[in-house]
Amino acid sequence: MIGKIIHETRKKRGLTLSELAKKAEISKSYLSNIEREINDNPSIQVLEKLSKVLGVDMSTLLGKNVDTELHLEKEWVILLKELKELGIEIEKFHEYKTVFDFLKWQNNIGNS
């Protein structure tokens, strides 16, 4: 199951087996064995490398897709990923609430 998910994600990202192996700093043959599920129990370290290069959470590679479990709309998932890429940590997100409250207030005034 993990191998199939890695394979499908790699294809979606437009990466070849060689490119992903090189970027994740693992051997091409090892990655091939994972994708073909000859090695169906890769280490956490390897999964971390692959998830980082593929731009997905490790839970996705493990078959626990948070996006579908939470039934989030695609636009929200994209927004959350963009915020994460900008370096906005979830622990500090509440600090930005003031900005959102201000924008909401400003929109309400403009619509009055």
Protein backbone atom coordinates (compact mmCIF):
# COMPACT_ATOMS: atom_id res chain seq x y z
CA MET A 1 0.00 0.00 0.00
CA ILE A 2 2.79 2.46 0.89
CA GLY A 3 4.60 1.66 -2.35
CA LYS A 4 1.51 2.31 -4.44
CA ILE A 5 0.93 5.65 -2.73
CA ILE A 6 4.55 6.70 -3.23
CA HIS A 7 4.39 5.65 -6.89
CA GLU A 8 1.14 7.55 -7.55
CA THR A 9 2.36 10.65 -5.71
CA ARG A 10 5.66 10.59 -7.60
CA LYS A 11 3.81 10.39 -10.91
CA LYS A 12 1.49 13.26 -9.91
CA ARG A 13 4.56 15.37 -9.14
CA GLY A 14 6.04 14.53 -12.54
CA LEU A 15 9.14 12.91 -11.09
CA THR A 16 10.95 9.91 -12.47
CA LEU A 17 12.12 7.13 -10.21
CA SER A 18 15.70 8.36 -10.64
CA GLU A 19 14.81 11.98 -9.82
CA LEU A 20 12.93 11.10 -6.64
CA ALA A 21 15.66 8.72 -5.49
CA LYS A 22 18.34 11.35 -6.06
CA LYS A 23 16.42 14.13 -4.32
CA ALA A 24 15.53 11.87 -1.38
CA GLU A 25 19.12 10.62 -1.22
CA ILE A 26 18.20 6.94 -1.42
CA SER A 27 19.18 4.39 -4.03
CA LYS A 28 17.02 4.00 -7.12
CA SER A 29 16.83 0.23 -6.61
CA TYR A 30 15.65 0.67 -3.00
CA LEU A 31 12.96 3.12 -4.11
CA SER A 32 11.91 0.76 -6.88
CA ASN A 33 11.62 -2.07 -4.36
CA ILE A 34 9.45 0.12 -2.13
CA GLU A 35 7.17 1.13 -5.01
CA ARG A 36 6.83 -2.47 -6.20
CA GLU A 37 6.19 -3.45 -2.57
CA ILE A 38 9.08 -5.88 -2.51
CA ASN A 39 10.17 -3.86 0.52
CA ASP A 40 6.87 -3.06 2.19
CA ASN A 41 8.33 -1.74 5.42
CA PRO A 42 10.62 1.24 4.70
CA SER A 43 12.17 3.03 7.67
CA ILE A 44 10.71 6.20 9.15
CA GLN A 45 13.83 8.06 8.00
CA VAL A 46 13.23 7.01 4.38
CA LEU A 47 9.54 7.94 4.59
CA GLU A 48 10.50 11.35 6.01
CA LYS A 49 12.88 11.96 3.10
CA LEU A 50 10.29 10.88 0.54
CA SER A 51 7.48 12.91 2.10
CA LYS A 52 9.67 16.01 2.14
CA VAL A 53 10.63 15.68 -1.53
CA LEU A 54 7.08 14.81 -2.58
CA GLY A 55 5.63 17.67 -0.53
CA VAL A 56 3.19 15.53 1.45
CA ASP A 57 2.78 14.59 5.09
CA MET A 58 4.04 11.20 6.17
CA SER A 59 0.47 10.29 7.09
CA THR A 60 -0.39 10.56 3.39
CA LEU A 61 2.33 8.07 2.49
CA LEU A 62 1.04 5.76 5.19
CA GLY A 63 -2.42 5.83 3.64
CA LYS A 64 -4.00 8.10 6.21
CA ASN A 65 -4.94 11.02 4.02
CA VAL A 66 -5.85 13.81 6.41
CA ASP A 67 -7.50 15.81 3.63
CA THR A 68 -10.15 13.19 2.94
CA GLU A 69 -10.57 12.19 6.57
CA LEU A 70 -11.49 15.75 7.48
CA HIS A 71 -13.52 16.24 4.30
CA LEU A 72 -11.87 19.58 3.65
CA GLU A 73 -12.66 21.43 0.47
CA LYS A 74 -9.75 21.46 -1.96
CA GLU A 75 -9.41 25.26 -1.75
CA TRP A 76 -8.92 25.10 2.03
CA VAL A 77 -6.29 22.40 1.70
CA ILE A 78 -4.40 24.50 -0.86
CA LEU A 79 -4.64 27.57 1.38
CA LEU A 80 -3.34 25.66 4.39
CA LYS A 81 -0.42 24.28 2.39
CA GLU A 82 0.44 27.79 1.16
CA LEU A 83 0.37 29.12 4.73
CA LYS A 84 2.66 26.30 5.80
CA GLU A 85 5.06 27.09 2.94
CA LEU A 86 5.10 30.72 4.08
CA GLY A 87 6.33 29.54 7.46
CA ILE A 88 3.15 30.21 9.40
CA GLU A 89 3.15 27.69 12.21
CA ILE A 90 -0.13 26.33 13.47
CA GLU A 91 0.79 27.28 17.04
CA LYS A 92 1.07 30.94 16.04
CA PHE A 93 -1.91 31.03 13.70
CA HIS A 94 -4.18 32.53 16.38
CA GLU A 95 -1.97 35.63 16.29
CA TYR A 96 -3.16 36.27 12.73
CA LYS A 97 -6.81 36.13 13.78
CA THR A 98 -6.71 39.85 14.56
CA VAL A 99 -5.81 40.57 10.93
CA PHE A 100 -8.70 38.41 9.70
CA ASP A 101 -11.10 40.10 12.13
CA PHE A 102 -9.99 43.50 10.81
CA LEU A 103 -10.47 42.43 7.18
CA LYS A 104 -13.92 41.08 8.00
CA TRP A 105 -14.83 44.36 9.75
CA GLN A 106 -13.48 46.35 6.80
CA ASN A 107 -15.56 44.29 4.32
CA ASN A 108 -18.68 44.82 6.44
CA ILE A 109 -18.15 48.61 6.41
CA GLY A 110 -17.61 48.57 2.64
CA ASN A 111 -20.82 46.62 2.13
CA SER A 112 -22.94 48.95 4.29
